[in-house]
Protein backbone atom coordinates (compact mmCIF):
# COMPACT_ATOMS: atom_id res chain seq x y z
CA MET A 1 0.27 -0.10 -0.07
CA LEU A 2 1.25 3.37 -1.18
CA THR A 3 1.49 5.48 2.03
CA GLY A 4 3.00 9.30 3.12
CA SER A 5 3.55 12.89 0.76
CA MET A 6 2.38 11.93 -3.22
CA VAL A 7 3.55 15.00 -5.02
CA ALA A 8 0.80 15.76 -8.33
CA MET A 9 3.75 16.94 -9.73
CA VAL A 10 3.37 20.24 -12.01
CA THR A 11 4.85 19.72 -16.14
CA PRO A 12 7.12 21.93 -16.95
CA MET A 13 6.99 24.04 -20.03
CA ASN A 14 8.73 26.81 -22.16
CA GLY A 15 7.51 29.90 -22.79
CA ASP A 16 5.57 28.64 -25.75
CA GLY A 17 3.43 26.32 -23.79
CA SER A 18 5.14 23.87 -24.97
CA ILE A 19 6.50 21.05 -22.77
CA ASP A 20 10.27 20.94 -21.08
CA TRP A 21 11.12 17.50 -21.59
CA ALA A 22 14.94 18.37 -20.16
CA GLY A 23 13.57 20.55 -17.65
CA LEU A 24 10.90 17.27 -16.46
CA GLU A 25 14.11 15.29 -15.89
CA ARG A 26 15.29 17.51 -13.72
CA LEU A 27 12.00 18.65 -11.97
CA VAL A 28 11.88 14.90 -11.18
CA GLU A 29 15.27 15.19 -8.82
CA HIS A 30 13.90 17.57 -6.78
CA PRO A 31 11.25 15.76 -4.67
CA VAL A 32 12.68 12.26 -4.88
CA GLY A 33 15.73 14.12 -3.63
CA GLN A 34 13.29 15.48 -0.49
CA GLY A 35 11.86 12.20 0.80
CA THR A 36 8.39 12.62 -1.14
CA ASP A 37 6.81 9.22 -1.23
CA ALA A 38 5.93 8.89 -4.80
CA ILE A 39 5.30 10.90 -7.58
CA VAL A 40 1.88 11.83 -9.33
CA SER A 41 2.35 12.36 -13.49
CA VAL A 42 -0.50 13.83 -15.09
CA GLY A 43 -2.79 14.69 -12.80
CA THR A 44 -5.15 17.89 -12.61
CA THR A 45 -1.84 20.14 -11.08
CA GLY A 46 0.10 18.24 -14.45
CA GLU A 47 -2.04 20.35 -16.65
CA SER A 48 -3.80 16.74 -18.09
CA ALA A 49 -6.68 18.42 -19.68
CA THR A 50 -4.39 20.40 -22.09
CA LEU A 51 -1.99 17.59 -23.45
CA ASP A 52 -2.97 15.85 -26.22
CA HIS A 53 -3.05 11.89 -26.13
CA GLY A 54 0.70 11.66 -27.62
CA GLU A 55 2.18 14.03 -25.00
CA HIS A 56 0.44 12.61 -21.83
CA ALA A 57 2.02 9.39 -22.74
CA GLU A 58 5.38 10.46 -22.53
CA VAL A 59 5.45 12.47 -20.14
CA ILE A 60 4.43 9.43 -18.01
CA GLU A 61 6.74 7.54 -19.26
CA ARG A 62 9.69 9.81 -19.19
CA THR A 63 8.83 10.57 -15.28
CA VAL A 64 9.01 6.92 -14.87
CA LYS A 65 12.34 6.76 -16.38
CA ALA A 66 13.88 9.43 -14.44
CA VAL A 67 12.34 8.16 -11.23
CA ALA A 68 14.42 4.71 -12.13
CA GLY A 69 12.44 3.08 -9.43
CA ARG A 70 13.39 5.06 -6.71
CA ILE A 71 10.13 5.64 -5.57
CA PRO A 72 6.57 5.20 -6.97
CA VAL A 73 5.58 6.59 -9.73
CA ILE A 74 0.92 7.17 -10.07
CA GLY A 75 -0.25 7.93 -13.47
CA GLY A 76 -3.20 10.52 -14.15
CA THR A 77 -4.88 8.59 -17.00
CA GLY A 78 -8.65 9.06 -15.53
CA SER A 79 -11.18 10.71 -18.75
CA ASN A 80 -15.02 11.65 -19.31
CA SER A 81 -14.80 8.34 -21.83
CA THR A 82 -14.52 5.01 -20.23
CA GLU A 83 -12.62 4.23 -23.43
CA GLU A 84 -10.10 6.77 -23.51
CA SER A 85 -9.38 6.28 -20.02
CA ILE A 86 -9.20 2.21 -20.58
CA ALA A 87 -6.41 3.10 -23.48
CA LEU A 88 -4.28 5.93 -21.21
CA THR A 89 -4.32 3.11 -17.93
CA ARG A 90 -2.88 0.73 -20.29
CA THR A 91 -0.25 3.08 -21.90
CA ALA A 92 1.02 4.00 -18.40
CA GLN A 93 0.77 0.19 -17.58
CA GLN A 94 3.10 -0.67 -20.24
CA ALA A 95 5.12 2.29 -19.39
CA GLY A 96 6.27 1.02 -15.93
CA VAL A 97 3.36 3.17 -13.36
CA SER A 98 3.10 1.95 -9.87
CA ALA A 99 -0.68 2.58 -9.99
CA CYS A 100 -3.19 4.43 -12.06
CA LEU A 101 -5.44 7.74 -10.54
CA LEU A 102 -8.32 7.85 -12.14
CA VAL A 103 -10.78 11.35 -11.76
CA VAL A 104 -14.41 10.66 -11.66
CA PRO A 105 -15.98 11.32 -15.14
CA TYR A 106 -16.54 14.77 -15.70
CA TYR A 107 -18.90 16.84 -17.54
CA ASN A 108 -20.81 14.53 -18.98
CA LYS A 109 -22.22 13.96 -15.18
CA PRO A 110 -23.35 10.00 -15.12
CA PRO A 111 -25.13 8.32 -12.34
CA GLN A 112 -23.78 6.73 -9.33
CA GLU A 113 -24.14 3.26 -11.21
CA GLY A 114 -22.81 4.56 -14.20
CA LEU A 115 -19.73 5.73 -11.80
CA TYR A 116 -19.79 2.49 -11.06
CA GLN A 117 -19.61 0.36 -14.39
CA HIS A 118 -16.61 3.19 -15.71
CA PHE A 119 -14.68 2.25 -13.25
CA ARG A 120 -15.14 -1.39 -12.61
CA SER A 121 -14.66 -1.68 -16.85
CA ILE A 122 -11.17 0.36 -16.32
CA ALA A 123 -10.12 -1.96 -13.48
CA GLU A 124 -11.14 -5.37 -15.70
CA ALA A 125 -9.81 -4.33 -18.84
CA VAL A 126 -5.83 -3.33 -17.23
CA SER A 127 -4.48 -5.11 -14.17
CA VAL A 128 -2.31 -1.83 -12.98
CA PRO A 129 -3.41 -1.15 -9.02
CA GLN A 130 -5.92 1.49 -9.87
CA ILE A 131 -6.83 4.52 -7.19
CA LEU A 132 -10.42 6.68 -7.52
CA TYR A 133 -9.98 10.24 -7.90
CA ASN A 134 -13.31 11.86 -6.31
CA VAL A 135 -13.90 16.03 -7.06
CA PRO A 136 -16.72 16.99 -7.38
CA GLY A 137 -15.58 21.08 -7.19
CA ARG A 138 -13.97 20.02 -11.21
CA THR A 139 -15.74 17.23 -12.45
CA GLY A 140 -19.32 18.35 -11.65
CA VAL A 141 -20.61 15.12 -10.21
CA ASP A 142 -19.86 13.86 -6.58
CA MET A 143 -19.09 9.85 -6.08
CA ALA A 144 -21.37 8.53 -3.10
CA ASN A 145 -19.18 6.57 -0.24
CA ASP A 146 -21.07 3.74 -1.19
CA THR A 147 -20.23 3.35 -4.84
CA THR A 148 -16.75 3.89 -3.20
CA LEU A 149 -16.96 0.60 -1.22
CA ARG A 150 -18.62 -1.24 -3.91
CA LEU A 151 -15.67 -0.46 -6.27
CA SER A 152 -13.59 -1.06 -2.82
CA GLU A 153 -14.06 -4.62 -3.23
CA ILE A 154 -12.75 -5.25 -6.92
CA ASP A 155 -9.15 -6.40 -6.15
CA ASN A 156 -7.29 -4.00 -8.58
CA ILE A 157 -9.02 -0.84 -7.01
CA VAL A 158 -6.66 -0.23 -4.03
CA GLY A 159 -7.90 3.35 -3.41
CA ILE A 160 -9.23 6.63 -3.45
CA LYS A 161 -8.23 10.56 -3.63
CA ASP A 162 -10.77 12.35 -1.77
CA ALA A 163 -11.05 15.67 -2.98
CA THR A 164 -14.37 16.88 -1.29
CA ASN A 165 -13.39 18.93 1.39
CA ASP A 166 -15.04 17.44 3.52
CA LEU A 167 -13.63 15.56 6.83
CA ASP A 168 -16.51 14.07 8.52
CA ARG A 169 -17.14 12.07 5.12
CA GLY A 170 -14.05 10.81 4.43
CA ALA A 171 -13.85 9.03 8.42
CA ASP A 172 -16.77 7.51 7.62
CA LEU A 173 -15.25 6.18 4.42
CA ILE A 174 -12.08 5.51 5.97
CA ARG A 175 -14.61 3.30 9.07
CA ARG A 176 -16.27 1.59 6.50
CA CYS A 177 -13.77 0.54 3.52
CA PRO A 178 -11.54 -2.80 3.61
CA ASP A 179 -8.27 -2.08 5.44
CA ASP A 180 -6.07 -3.09 2.17
CA PHE A 181 -8.32 -0.01 0.69
CA ALA A 182 -6.45 3.06 1.23
CA VAL A 183 -8.16 6.53 1.60
CA TYR A 184 -5.62 9.71 0.67
CA SER A 185 -6.56 13.15 0.94
CA GLY A 186 -6.69 15.82 -2.07
CA GLU A 187 -7.11 18.74 0.09
CA ASP A 188 -3.78 19.93 1.13
CA GLY A 189 -5.61 22.17 3.99
CA THR A 190 -7.25 19.01 5.68
CA ALA A 191 -5.14 16.62 5.15
CA CYS A 192 -2.98 16.74 7.68
CA ARG A 193 -6.60 15.91 10.23
CA LEU A 194 -7.51 13.34 7.45
CA MET A 195 -4.73 11.06 7.88
CA LEU A 196 -4.77 11.56 11.84
CA ALA A 197 -8.41 9.54 11.22
CA GLY A 198 -6.85 6.89 9.27
CA GLY A 199 -6.18 8.39 5.93
CA LYS A 200 -3.10 6.57 4.68
CA GLY A 201 -1.07 9.64 2.68
CA THR A 202 -2.02 12.91 0.62
CA ILE A 203 -1.38 13.68 -2.65
CA SER A 204 -0.59 17.35 -2.87
CA VAL A 205 -0.33 20.11 -4.86
CA SER A 206 2.00 22.13 -1.97
CA ALA A 207 4.42 19.10 -2.26
CA ASN A 208 5.69 20.57 -5.33
CA ALA A 209 7.53 23.37 -2.90
CA ALA A 210 7.52 22.09 -0.17
CA PRO A 211 8.56 17.98 -0.40
CA ARG A 212 10.36 17.64 2.11
CA LEU A 213 8.17 19.55 4.76
CA MET A 214 5.04 17.59 3.38
CA HIS A 215 6.94 14.26 4.02
CA GLU A 216 7.62 15.46 7.52
CA MET A 217 4.14 16.07 8.34
CA CYS A 218 2.44 12.93 6.54
CA THR A 219 5.12 10.66 8.02
CA ALA A 220 3.59 11.45 11.46
CA ALA A 221 0.12 11.40 10.56
CA VAL A 222 0.12 8.80 9.47
CA ALA A 223 2.11 7.01 12.34
CA GLY A 224 -0.32 8.96 14.32
CA ASP A 225 1.89 11.32 15.58
CA GLU A 226 -0.77 14.05 16.02
CA GLU A 227 1.35 16.88 18.27
CA THR A 228 4.16 16.74 15.32
CA ALA A 229 2.06 16.20 12.38
CA LEU A 230 -0.13 19.57 13.46
CA GLN A 231 2.96 21.41 14.59
CA LEU A 232 4.53 20.93 10.62
CA ASP A 233 1.19 21.22 9.10
CA GLY A 234 1.21 24.62 10.91
CA GLN A 235 4.01 25.77 8.74
CA LEU A 236 2.48 24.72 5.74
CA ARG A 237 -0.77 26.21 6.48
CA ASN A 238 -0.40 29.59 4.72
CA LEU A 239 1.02 27.32 1.34
CA HIS A 240 -1.64 25.34 1.07
CA ALA A 241 -4.25 28.10 1.28
CA ALA A 242 -1.58 30.38 -0.97
CA MET A 243 -1.43 27.33 -3.60
CA PHE A 244 -5.08 28.22 -4.93
CA VAL A 245 -5.23 31.83 -4.91
CA GLN A 246 -6.08 31.01 -8.71
CA SER A 247 -6.77 27.94 -9.98
CA ASN A 248 -4.36 25.31 -9.76
CA PRO A 249 -1.82 24.50 -11.03
CA ILE A 250 -0.99 28.17 -11.54
CA PRO A 251 0.44 29.30 -8.49
CA ALA A 252 1.70 25.90 -8.01
CA LYS A 253 3.56 26.96 -11.17
CA TRP A 254 4.93 30.09 -10.40
CA ALA A 255 6.31 28.80 -6.92
CA VAL A 256 8.58 26.01 -8.65
CA CYS A 257 9.82 28.70 -10.59
CA GLN A 258 10.51 31.07 -8.31
CA GLN A 259 12.33 28.10 -6.76
CA GLY A 260 14.80 28.03 -9.82
CA LEU A 261 13.65 24.40 -10.67
CA ILE A 262 11.59 24.97 -14.16
CA GLY A 263 10.90 28.33 -16.59
CA GLY A 264 7.47 30.30 -16.35
CA GLY A 265 5.69 28.50 -18.77
CA ILE A 266 2.11 27.27 -18.84
CA ARG A 267 -0.61 26.21 -21.30
CA LEU A 268 -3.52 28.16 -22.67
CA PRO A 269 -6.01 28.73 -21.27
CA LEU A 270 -4.18 29.24 -17.76
CA VAL A 271 -1.88 31.86 -18.03
CA VAL A 272 0.53 32.89 -15.04
CA LEU A 273 -0.23 33.86 -11.56
CA ASP A 274 -1.14 37.40 -11.36
CA ASP A 275 0.65 39.88 -9.77
CA GLU A 276 -1.86 40.93 -6.97
CA TYR A 277 -1.06 37.50 -6.10
CA HIS A 278 2.94 37.56 -5.65
CA ASP A 279 3.31 38.46 -2.41
CA THR A 280 1.32 36.26 -1.34
CA VAL A 281 2.79 33.13 -2.56
CA ARG A 282 5.92 34.20 -2.06
CA ALA A 283 5.13 35.14 2.27
CA ALA A 284 3.95 31.63 2.53
CA MET A 285 6.82 30.14 0.85
CA ASN A 286 9.17 32.02 2.51
CA THR A 287 6.64 31.10 6.31
CA ALA A 288 7.13 27.29 5.28
CA GLY A 289 11.17 27.64 4.76
CA VAL A 290 11.03 27.06 1.20
CA LEU A 291 12.01 29.98 -0.20
């Protein structure tokens, strides 16, 4: 079972929005060297919505090669098309990922039975371990805990990234899910509390800028060391908020650029961080000791 801090890694881009392949290889070294427990490649934070299929597959493949087995790589392979999700997941498995992250289908708003059949079909078609991803604020549809529990009975569906920001609901899922099914946080601001309630880790935006501190906080929280976990999370609180002053991954890419790890490129329709937020993000990074 994967545990701890899993960075939802940004995808480095040049000023014209093209992928900076050399920058990607360099960027991988930062979370790996700072103790991050796993890398999520081409999730929402990796700008999956604007990568074409070839780019999507290549970013995952190159990330796996750059990591070279040092930590797990999770490939983001979700789509609102079941067949497309199967194809992306199969390609990621062939690239050597440890697991895939599959978002709830967005925009077409399937009912709960449609969600169940969608994820079941992917799991039956591709044997790689699969982590569900429920983020109703982006997808427009919310997967109920009961649907998640039905899916948890499928052998290679091994966990869920819960980005509902509802701790009571997350705790309910933790209480009722099988022991071999992991609940991960998808909200940095409440991740510590969810892990203290029994969550196994977090898929984190803040870990782009603060991989060491996120790793240490998650290690303490998963171990049940509440005092240490809350103290470390306090150092990160402003950073968690700053990463969402504009749509993710705008602030995260700007923050990592300020650290000198990547250039400032981002792909339309997203644009670089507005000047009015520069001081806010910079101050949060200073508080966390990462700038």
